[in-house]
Protein backbone atom coordinates (compact mmCIF):
# COMPACT_ATOMS: atom_id res chain seq x y z
CA MET A 1 2.20 -26.72 -18.00
CA ASN A 2 5.32 -24.67 -17.19
CA THR A 3 6.00 -22.95 -13.97
CA GLU A 4 8.51 -20.32 -13.11
CA LYS A 5 9.27 -18.38 -10.01
CA LYS A 6 9.62 -14.62 -10.54
CA GLU A 7 10.75 -12.25 -7.90
CA PHE A 8 9.31 -8.67 -7.78
CA LYS A 9 10.26 -6.00 -5.50
CA LYS A 10 6.75 -4.69 -5.73
CA HIS A 11 3.68 -6.05 -7.60
CA LEU A 12 0.63 -3.88 -7.40
CA PHE A 13 -2.78 -5.30 -8.50
CA ILE A 14 -5.41 -2.66 -9.22
CA CYS A 15 -9.08 -3.82 -9.56
CA THR A 16 -10.62 -2.65 -12.82
CA ASN A 17 -13.64 -4.81 -12.57
CA THR A 18 -17.10 -3.51 -13.57
CA ARG A 19 -20.00 -5.46 -12.14
CA SER A 20 -23.08 -6.29 -14.17
CA ASP A 21 -25.03 -3.59 -12.28
CA GLY A 22 -22.46 -1.01 -13.34
CA SER A 23 -20.73 -0.80 -9.98
CA GLY A 24 -17.21 -1.70 -9.05
CA CYS A 25 -13.76 -0.18 -9.32
CA GLY A 26 -13.91 0.20 -13.11
CA PRO A 27 -16.47 3.10 -13.17
CA LYS A 28 -14.56 4.88 -10.32
CA GLY A 29 -11.45 5.52 -12.34
CA ALA A 30 -9.57 2.37 -11.95
CA ASP A 31 -8.50 2.20 -15.57
CA LEU A 32 -6.96 5.62 -15.43
CA ILE A 33 -5.11 4.86 -12.13
CA ALA A 34 -3.68 1.56 -13.59
CA LYS A 35 -2.69 3.28 -16.87
CA GLU A 36 -0.97 6.13 -15.00
CA LEU A 37 0.91 3.76 -12.63
CA LYS A 38 2.02 1.39 -15.50
CA GLY A 39 3.31 4.31 -17.49
CA PHE A 40 5.11 5.69 -14.35
CA VAL A 41 6.88 2.33 -13.81
CA LYS A 42 8.01 2.37 -17.40
CA SER A 43 9.08 5.91 -17.50
CA GLU A 44 11.01 5.61 -14.22
CA LYS A 45 12.53 2.28 -15.37
CA LEU A 46 11.66 0.79 -11.87
CA GLU A 47 13.24 -2.66 -12.02
CA GLY A 48 11.37 -5.42 -10.36
CA VAL A 49 8.16 -3.38 -10.08
CA LYS A 50 4.90 -4.43 -11.92
CA VAL A 51 1.35 -2.95 -12.03
CA THR A 52 -1.32 -5.41 -13.11
CA ARG A 53 -5.04 -4.86 -13.78
CA SER A 54 -7.03 -7.35 -11.75
CA GLY A 55 -10.58 -8.55 -11.32
CA CYS A 56 -12.59 -7.92 -8.30
CA LEU A 57 -10.82 -7.79 -4.94
CA SER A 58 -14.16 -7.38 -3.00
CA LEU A 59 -13.29 -3.97 -1.48
CA CYS A 60 -14.64 -1.52 -4.03
CA ASP A 61 -17.69 -0.18 -2.18
CA GLU A 62 -16.50 3.46 -2.21
CA ALA A 63 -13.56 3.85 -4.67
CA VAL A 64 -10.79 1.81 -6.34
CA ALA A 65 -9.16 -1.11 -4.51
CA GLY A 66 -5.69 -2.66 -4.90
CA VAL A 67 -3.11 -4.85 -3.11
CA CYS A 68 0.67 -4.62 -3.29
CA TYR A 69 2.87 -7.60 -2.79
CA PRO A 70 5.16 -8.68 -1.11
CA ASP A 71 4.33 -5.92 1.32
CA LYS A 72 0.74 -7.16 1.72
CA ILE A 73 -0.53 -3.69 1.69
CA TRP A 74 -4.26 -3.33 0.82
CA ILE A 75 -5.30 -0.10 -0.81
CA THR A 76 -8.99 1.06 -0.64
CA ASN A 77 -10.84 4.05 -1.57
CA ALA A 78 -8.12 5.16 -4.07
CA THR A 79 -8.84 7.96 -6.39
CA GLU A 80 -6.87 9.89 -9.04
CA SER A 81 -5.74 12.31 -6.23
CA ASP A 82 -3.84 9.45 -4.63
CA LEU A 83 -1.56 8.85 -7.65
CA ASP A 84 1.41 10.61 -6.08
CA ARG A 85 1.19 8.53 -2.90
CA LEU A 86 0.84 5.28 -4.94
CA LYS A 87 3.94 6.31 -7.14
CA GLU A 88 5.94 6.86 -3.97
CA MET A 89 4.83 3.45 -2.69
CA LEU A 90 6.10 1.83 -5.84
CA LYS A 91 9.44 3.57 -5.64
CA SER A 92 10.07 2.78 -1.97
């Protein structure tokens, strides 16, 4: 096993999980949000910023959930209409 310490200014995890009963963040637009944000980071050439699709974060009752490190900011109830705010968070 190899280990390596990587430093990110921001690392945003977006839950894209779909549970066996069809619920979860996946069916609520999580893939679209993750794709948009990953494209944004690439197009803006944001150094040290990463967006990663994740499994369940246990906060998806109403809409998409995520968490941003190292800020320790939890995001709940995110929808496509929040993309501009999420992009600003990644830039700051």
